[in-house]
Amino acid sequence: MAGDPVQKILVKRLSLRDAGLAEGSAVYRRIKKNYRNSRQILRAASKIANVYGEQARKSGEEIDVLDPELAARETAKPFAVKTDNQVKKAWELARQSLAEGQTQAWTICIATASAHEYPPEAVLAMRPAGLQAEPLSGDYMMKPDTVVVSTLNDLKGFEFNLVLIVGCDEGLCPANGVAEGEVWREALRFYVCMTRARDQVYMLYEGEPSQFLREMGDRIVWSEEALKQDYQPAPAAPNPPPAARRMSFASVLAQQGLSPHDTCEARLSEESLKLLRLFFDAVIDETKRQDCRGYTQRALDELDHRATAQFHRWVTPNNLAHLRASKFGPWRRADRKAIQRLDQELRSIGVTTFLGLR
């Protein structure tokens, strides 16, 4: 069993003995190494946490700051970049990282430190053509070709290889008007955002740098860099007409030349059919769970033939619409790429519920 006493929600204490789970012998070890962040990221971020953490402790808040010297890896220092258009610059840096093969799209997060000045939807609207992006959600790892956009408030519990923070200007982060006694809350959100990054952090601003950046001083790299190549944002996806939004499942299938009870094996790849058969044999097919001891080989072959025929009849849009990716977890063969492939193929025939997004 493993637990982190800092990552808790309504937990009074983390004690196996208090929970009645300490029967018999037990060995307790505390893992001190930090395997997520580099030492350079932690040194910069911890400067903020230590300075403003004192204000938090005076307010009665318990603050746990990660020790930079316990980091297991080294990378470059975080960058504070003054630029002429920070949102476009963030997208430029994300695209550059992808082009150079430094990481995958799903491991890049553009975070806004000023949701009022740079709301996530406005950041998404500046997405370059050819780059997929969506708001951060719990299934972001299932979309390897998609960059995510988030506010600082929503980042706790996630991690990325590259985090790009926009809105790091004086007067925006923290925002003008925030009470002096509440600045520490904004500082700790900024600290959490920085520590979501495994390898690199960019903090972007256009005017004067935020007091949080100034506090980090020489623990970050200061630079000034204009947008290298301007671009036209990708056109927004048109909203479907009201009639299309109200279209029934049967109508969507009809556009694909299917009815809810038609077999759709021909529309699925061999790999996806194997994954579905694995699920069918374990969950749906009753013959697989009966006691076959004493059966002749001919009887076993007949059972298998009958199960295969039932599987052919089962692979219909109506049945597949009730599947959820979360039900495929027990099988080691159900890896992320296989799940993604199956989801894409199901979507191509009108089944959009597999990943539980709709």
Protein backbone atom coordinates (compact mmCIF):
# COMPACT_ATOMS: atom_id res chain seq x y z
CA MET A 1 0.00 0.00 0.00
CA ALA A 2 1.22 3.49 -0.79
CA GLY A 3 -0.03 6.92 0.19
CA ASP A 4 0.93 10.56 0.12
CA PRO A 5 -0.18 12.48 3.24
CA VAL A 6 -0.05 15.77 1.31
CA GLN A 7 -2.31 14.63 -1.55
CA LYS A 8 -5.48 14.26 0.46
CA ILE A 9 -9.14 15.19 0.37
CA LEU A 10 -11.02 15.13 3.68
CA VAL A 11 -8.52 12.69 5.20
CA LYS A 12 -7.83 13.18 8.93
CA ARG A 13 -4.79 10.92 9.17
CA LEU A 14 -2.87 8.37 7.15
CA SER A 15 -2.42 5.45 9.51
CA LEU A 16 -2.90 1.78 8.69
CA ARG A 17 -3.22 0.99 12.37
CA ASP A 18 -6.02 3.53 12.88
CA ALA A 19 -7.77 2.10 9.84
CA GLY A 20 -7.60 -1.45 11.26
CA LEU A 21 -5.24 -2.64 8.50
CA ALA A 22 -2.09 -3.21 10.55
CA GLU A 23 -2.71 -6.87 11.39
CA GLY A 24 0.43 -9.00 11.31
CA SER A 25 3.92 -7.78 10.52
CA ALA A 26 4.44 -4.69 8.37
CA VAL A 27 7.43 -2.79 7.03
CA TYR A 28 7.13 1.01 6.70
CA ARG A 29 9.29 2.99 4.29
CA ARG A 30 9.17 6.62 3.32
CA ILE A 31 10.07 7.50 -0.26
CA LYS A 32 11.97 10.77 -0.21
CA LYS A 33 13.18 11.00 -3.78
CA ASN A 34 11.25 13.20 -6.20
CA TYR A 35 10.96 11.35 -9.49
CA ARG A 36 8.78 13.91 -11.29
CA ASN A 37 10.45 17.31 -11.22
CA SER A 38 14.00 18.22 -12.08
CA ARG A 39 16.17 19.83 -9.43
CA GLN A 40 16.21 23.13 -11.37
CA ILE A 41 12.40 23.36 -11.52
CA LEU A 42 12.10 22.62 -7.80
CA ARG A 43 14.77 25.15 -6.84
CA ALA A 44 12.90 27.91 -8.64
CA ALA A 45 9.41 26.88 -7.54
CA SER A 46 10.39 26.26 -3.91
CA LYS A 47 11.69 29.84 -3.65
CA ILE A 48 8.12 31.07 -4.13
CA ALA A 49 6.67 28.43 -1.83
CA ASN A 50 9.10 29.20 0.98
CA VAL A 51 8.64 32.97 0.79
CA TYR A 52 4.86 32.98 0.59
CA GLY A 53 4.50 29.80 2.62
CA GLU A 54 5.46 31.81 5.71
CA GLN A 55 2.40 34.00 5.13
CA ALA A 56 0.29 30.86 4.77
CA ARG A 57 1.57 29.36 8.01
CA LYS A 58 0.74 32.57 9.84
CA SER A 59 -2.81 32.10 8.55
CA GLY A 60 -2.90 28.59 10.02
CA GLU A 61 -2.37 26.71 6.73
CA GLU A 62 -0.16 23.62 6.61
CA ILE A 63 2.31 23.92 3.70
CA ASP A 64 4.52 21.11 2.43
CA VAL A 65 7.32 22.23 0.10
CA LEU A 66 9.22 19.71 -2.00
CA ASP A 67 12.96 19.61 -1.26
CA PRO A 68 14.90 20.37 -4.49
CA GLU A 69 17.88 18.33 -3.32
CA LEU A 70 15.73 15.18 -3.32
CA ALA A 71 15.07 15.50 -7.07
CA ALA A 72 16.41 12.57 -9.08
CA ARG A 73 16.97 14.46 -12.34
CA GLU A 74 18.67 17.56 -13.79
CA THR A 75 17.35 19.79 -16.60
CA ALA A 76 17.68 23.41 -17.69
CA LYS A 77 16.40 26.16 -15.41
CA PRO A 78 12.85 27.45 -16.00
CA PHE A 79 12.62 30.34 -18.49
CA ALA A 80 10.96 33.72 -17.97
CA VAL A 81 10.36 35.11 -21.47
CA LYS A 82 9.26 38.64 -22.28
CA THR A 83 7.58 38.67 -25.68
CA ASP A 84 5.26 40.71 -27.87
CA ASN A 85 2.37 38.20 -27.94
CA GLN A 86 2.59 35.68 -25.14
CA VAL A 87 -0.28 33.42 -26.18
CA LYS A 88 1.03 33.02 -29.72
CA LYS A 89 4.53 32.60 -28.30
CA ALA A 90 3.30 29.77 -26.08
CA TRP A 91 1.83 28.00 -29.11
CA GLU A 92 5.05 28.65 -31.05
CA LEU A 93 7.12 27.05 -28.28
CA ALA A 94 4.74 24.08 -28.10
CA ARG A 95 4.93 23.58 -31.85
CA GLN A 96 8.72 23.94 -31.78
CA SER A 97 9.00 21.29 -29.07
CA LEU A 98 6.90 18.89 -31.14
CA ALA A 99 8.86 19.58 -34.34
CA GLU A 100 12.15 18.87 -32.58
CA GLY A 101 10.79 15.60 -31.18
CA GLN A 102 11.33 16.68 -27.58
CA THR A 103 7.96 15.40 -26.40
CA GLN A 104 4.44 14.37 -27.47
CA ALA A 105 1.48 16.71 -27.73
CA TRP A 106 -0.38 15.25 -24.74
CA THR A 107 2.59 15.99 -22.47
CA ILE A 108 2.36 19.75 -23.18
CA CYS A 109 0.12 22.04 -21.14
CA ILE A 110 -0.48 25.74 -21.70
CA ALA A 111 -1.67 27.14 -18.38
CA THR A 112 -3.12 30.58 -17.83
CA ALA A 113 -2.11 32.42 -14.67
CA SER A 114 -4.76 35.06 -15.40
CA ALA A 115 -8.06 33.43 -16.32
CA HIS A 116 -9.66 36.88 -16.53
CA GLU A 117 -7.18 38.31 -19.04
CA TYR A 118 -6.39 35.05 -20.84
CA PRO A 119 -9.28 32.61 -20.37
CA PRO A 120 -8.63 29.06 -21.61
CA GLU A 121 -11.13 29.43 -24.46
CA ALA A 122 -9.28 32.51 -25.71
CA VAL A 123 -5.97 30.62 -25.56
CA LEU A 124 -7.52 27.73 -27.49
CA ALA A 125 -8.84 30.17 -30.10
CA MET A 126 -5.22 31.10 -30.91
CA ARG A 127 -4.27 27.50 -31.71
CA PRO A 128 -2.19 27.22 -34.92
CA ALA A 129 -3.62 25.22 -37.80
CA GLY A 130 -2.53 21.60 -37.74
CA LEU A 131 -2.18 21.43 -33.96
CA GLN A 132 -4.90 19.72 -31.95
CA ALA A 133 -5.79 21.16 -28.56
CA GLU A 134 -8.52 20.82 -25.94
CA PRO A 135 -9.28 21.97 -22.39
CA LEU A 136 -7.65 19.75 -19.75
CA SER A 137 -9.75 16.76 -18.73
CA GLY A 138 -9.15 13.54 -16.82
CA ASP A 139 -8.66 11.47 -19.98
CA TYR A 140 -6.03 13.71 -21.59
CA MET A 141 -3.53 10.82 -21.70
CA MET A 142 -5.87 8.98 -24.06
CA LYS A 143 -5.31 11.67 -26.73
CA PRO A 144 -1.60 11.58 -27.63
CA ASP A 145 -1.95 14.13 -30.45
CA THR A 146 -3.65 16.81 -28.34
CA VAL A 147 -2.12 19.70 -26.39
CA VAL A 148 -4.12 20.71 -23.31
CA VAL A 149 -5.02 24.15 -21.97
CA SER A 150 -5.91 24.84 -18.33
CA THR A 151 -6.12 27.36 -15.53
CA LEU A 152 -3.77 27.17 -12.56
CA ASN A 153 -6.65 26.08 -10.34
CA ASP A 154 -7.27 22.88 -12.31
CA LEU A 155 -3.72 21.56 -12.57
CA LYS A 156 -3.21 19.86 -9.20
CA GLY A 157 -2.87 16.10 -9.62
CA PHE A 158 -1.63 16.23 -13.23
CA GLU A 159 1.85 16.19 -14.73
CA PHE A 160 3.40 17.10 -18.09
CA ASN A 161 6.81 17.21 -19.69
CA LEU A 162 6.43 20.85 -20.71
CA VAL A 163 4.35 23.55 -19.00
CA LEU A 164 3.94 26.98 -20.62
CA ILE A 165 2.42 29.63 -18.33
CA VAL A 166 0.86 32.75 -19.87
CA GLY A 167 -0.27 35.80 -17.91
CA CYS A 168 2.89 36.12 -15.78
CA ASP A 169 2.69 39.93 -15.84
CA GLU A 170 2.71 42.35 -12.94
CA GLY A 171 -0.91 43.20 -12.19
CA LEU A 172 -2.18 39.91 -13.64
CA CYS A 173 -0.48 37.34 -11.41
CA PRO A 174 -1.43 38.10 -8.73
CA ALA A 175 -4.24 40.23 -10.09
CA ASN A 176 -4.58 43.85 -9.10
CA GLY A 177 -7.06 44.09 -6.25
CA VAL A 178 -6.09 40.83 -4.52
CA ALA A 179 -5.82 41.53 -0.80
CA GLU A 180 -2.24 41.53 0.51
CA GLY A 181 -3.12 38.79 2.97
CA GLU A 182 -4.38 36.56 0.15
CA VAL A 183 -1.40 36.82 -2.22
CA TRP A 184 0.09 33.66 -0.75
CA ARG A 185 -2.83 31.66 -2.17
CA GLU A 186 -2.00 32.84 -5.70
CA ALA A 187 1.69 32.13 -5.07
CA LEU A 188 1.03 28.55 -4.01
CA ARG A 189 -1.18 27.99 -7.07
CA PHE A 190 1.74 29.20 -9.17
CA TYR A 191 4.05 26.83 -7.28
CA VAL A 192 1.71 23.91 -7.97
CA CYS A 193 1.59 24.84 -11.65
CA MET A 194 5.38 24.91 -11.95
CA THR A 195 5.73 21.55 -10.20
CA ARG A 196 3.38 19.92 -12.72
CA ALA A 197 6.33 20.01 -15.16
CA ARG A 198 8.82 17.18 -15.38
CA ASP A 199 11.35 18.72 -17.76
CA GLN A 200 10.73 22.37 -18.61
CA VAL A 201 8.74 25.46 -17.65
CA TYR A 202 8.27 28.66 -19.67
CA MET A 203 6.70 31.70 -17.97
CA LEU A 204 5.57 34.33 -20.47
CA TYR A 205 4.77 38.01 -20.01
CA GLU A 206 4.60 41.21 -22.10
CA GLY A 207 4.94 44.13 -19.69
CA GLU A 208 6.66 43.96 -16.32
CA PRO A 209 7.26 40.51 -14.82
CA SER A 210 5.10 39.27 -11.97
CA GLN A 211 6.43 39.58 -8.44
CA PHE A 212 6.49 35.77 -8.38
CA LEU A 213 9.01 35.74 -11.22
CA ARG A 214 11.10 38.47 -9.60
CA GLU A 215 11.14 36.47 -6.36
CA MET A 216 12.80 33.54 -8.17
CA GLY A 217 15.64 35.81 -9.33
CA ASP A 218 18.65 33.91 -10.68
CA ARG A 219 16.98 30.54 -10.24
CA ILE A 220 15.33 31.14 -13.62
CA VAL A 221 16.70 32.17 -17.03
CA TRP A 222 15.54 35.64 -18.11
CA SER A 223 15.20 36.31 -21.84
CA GLU A 224 13.39 38.53 -24.31
CA GLU A 225 12.20 36.96 -27.53
CA ALA A 226 9.69 38.21 -30.08
CA LEU A 227 7.37 35.90 -31.99
CA LYS A 228 9.58 34.34 -34.67
CA GLN A 229 6.85 33.76 -37.24
CA ASP A 230 3.33 35.14 -36.99
CA TYR A 231 0.44 32.95 -38.06
CA GLN A 232 -3.30 32.94 -38.54
CA PRO A 233 -5.08 30.91 -35.84
CA ALA A 234 -6.88 27.78 -36.96
CA PRO A 235 -10.51 28.50 -37.85
CA ALA A 236 -12.95 27.64 -35.11
CA ALA A 237 -14.99 24.52 -35.66
CA PRO A 238 -18.48 25.52 -36.77
CA ASN A 239 -21.29 24.82 -34.35
CA PRO A 240 -23.60 22.10 -35.64
CA PRO A 241 -27.10 23.28 -36.55
CA PRO A 242 -29.77 22.64 -33.91
CA ALA A 243 -31.28 19.81 -35.95
CA ALA A 244 -27.93 18.00 -36.03
CA ARG A 245 -27.48 18.36 -32.28
CA ARG A 246 -30.86 16.72 -31.73
CA MET A 247 -30.17 13.90 -34.19
CA SER A 248 -30.96 10.50 -32.71
CA PHE A 249 -28.46 7.66 -32.52
CA ALA A 250 -30.40 5.78 -35.20
CA SER A 251 -30.23 8.81 -37.52
CA VAL A 252 -26.48 9.11 -37.02
CA LEU A 253 -26.07 5.43 -37.85
CA ALA A 254 -28.31 5.78 -40.89
CA GLN A 255 -25.83 8.28 -42.31
CA GLN A 256 -23.24 5.49 -42.09
CA GLY A 257 -25.57 2.99 -43.78
CA LEU A 258 -26.20 1.09 -40.53
CA SER A 259 -29.07 0.35 -38.20
CA PRO A 260 -28.61 -0.14 -34.43
CA HIS A 261 -28.86 -3.95 -34.82
CA ASP A 262 -26.67 -4.45 -37.91
CA THR A 263 -23.37 -6.24 -37.49
CA CYS A 264 -20.48 -3.84 -37.99
CA GLU A 265 -17.54 -6.25 -37.93
CA ALA A 266 -16.49 -5.14 -41.40
CA ARG A 267 -16.03 -1.57 -40.10
CA LEU A 268 -13.56 -2.61 -37.37
CA SER A 269 -9.91 -3.61 -37.59
CA GLU A 270 -8.68 -7.06 -36.64
CA GLU A 271 -6.95 -5.61 -33.55
CA SER A 272 -10.16 -3.98 -32.33
CA LEU A 273 -12.16 -7.16 -32.96
CA LYS A 274 -9.66 -9.13 -30.89
CA LEU A 275 -10.07 -6.66 -28.03
CA LEU A 276 -13.86 -6.85 -28.29
CA ARG A 277 -13.75 -10.66 -28.37
CA LEU A 278 -11.65 -10.63 -25.21
CA PHE A 279 -14.34 -8.56 -23.51
CA PHE A 280 -17.16 -10.67 -24.96
CA ASP A 281 -15.64 -13.97 -23.80
CA ALA A 282 -15.04 -12.68 -20.27
CA VAL A 283 -18.22 -10.70 -19.67
CA ILE A 284 -20.95 -11.52 -22.18
CA ASP A 285 -20.62 -15.17 -23.19
CA GLU A 286 -22.18 -17.52 -20.63
CA THR A 287 -20.64 -20.63 -22.26
CA LYS A 288 -17.17 -19.50 -21.25
CA ARG A 289 -18.14 -19.67 -17.59
CA GLN A 290 -19.73 -23.12 -17.55
CA ASP A 291 -17.94 -26.21 -16.26
CA CYS A 292 -16.65 -28.10 -19.33
CA ARG A 293 -14.86 -30.90 -17.51
CA GLY A 294 -15.58 -34.23 -19.19
CA TYR A 295 -16.56 -32.64 -22.54
CA THR A 296 -15.24 -34.30 -25.67
CA GLN A 297 -13.16 -32.28 -28.10
CA ARG A 298 -16.09 -32.28 -30.51
CA ALA A 299 -18.34 -30.79 -27.83
CA LEU A 300 -15.72 -28.15 -26.98
CA ASP A 301 -15.39 -27.24 -30.66
CA GLU A 302 -19.16 -26.93 -30.89
CA LEU A 303 -19.20 -24.57 -27.88
CA ASP A 304 -16.48 -22.45 -29.44
CA HIS A 305 -18.33 -22.36 -32.76
CA ARG A 306 -21.51 -21.31 -30.98
CA ALA A 307 -19.65 -18.57 -29.05
CA THR A 308 -18.12 -17.23 -32.28
CA ALA A 309 -21.55 -17.07 -33.92
CA GLN A 310 -22.94 -15.24 -30.88
CA PHE A 311 -20.03 -12.79 -31.02
CA HIS A 312 -20.79 -12.05 -34.69
CA ARG A 313 -24.38 -11.26 -33.76
CA TRP A 314 -23.31 -9.23 -30.72
CA VAL A 315 -21.05 -6.76 -32.59
CA THR A 316 -23.77 -4.22 -33.36
CA PRO A 317 -23.85 -0.44 -32.78
CA ASN A 318 -26.57 -0.90 -30.18
CA ASN A 319 -24.42 -3.24 -28.05
CA LEU A 320 -21.18 -1.35 -28.64
CA ALA A 321 -22.80 1.90 -27.49
CA HIS A 322 -23.03 0.39 -23.99
CA LEU A 323 -19.28 -0.27 -23.76
CA ARG A 324 -16.97 1.92 -21.70
CA ALA A 325 -13.20 1.98 -21.88
CA SER A 326 -13.02 1.80 -18.08
CA LYS A 327 -14.35 -1.78 -18.24
CA PHE A 328 -11.29 -2.92 -20.21
CA GLY A 329 -8.82 -2.25 -17.39
CA PRO A 330 -8.53 -5.84 -16.05
CA TRP A 331 -6.76 -7.08 -19.19
CA ARG A 332 -3.10 -6.30 -19.72
CA ARG A 333 -3.60 -6.52 -23.47
CA ALA A 334 -5.98 -3.55 -23.35
CA ASP A 335 -3.20 -0.96 -23.62
CA ARG A 336 -3.71 2.73 -24.30
CA LYS A 337 -3.05 2.55 -28.04
CA ALA A 338 -5.50 -0.31 -28.49
CA ILE A 339 -8.17 1.59 -26.56
CA GLN A 340 -7.56 4.71 -28.66
CA ARG A 341 -7.79 2.75 -31.91
CA LEU A 342 -11.04 1.12 -30.86
CA ASP A 343 -12.48 4.49 -29.80
CA GLN A 344 -11.60 6.05 -33.18
CA GLU A 345 -13.17 3.17 -35.08
CA LEU A 346 -16.32 3.27 -32.97
CA ARG A 347 -16.60 7.02 -33.55
CA SER A 348 -16.34 6.44 -37.30
CA ILE A 349 -19.62 4.50 -37.17
CA GLY A 350 -21.35 6.93 -34.80
CA VAL A 351 -20.63 5.43 -31.35
CA THR A 352 -19.18 8.32 -29.33
CA THR A 353 -19.64 7.06 -25.78
CA PHE A 354 -16.75 4.59 -25.43
CA LEU A 355 -14.39 6.94 -23.55
CA GLY A 356 -17.29 8.28 -21.51
CA LEU A 357 -16.95 11.83 -22.87
CA ARG A 358 -20.56 12.32 -23.94
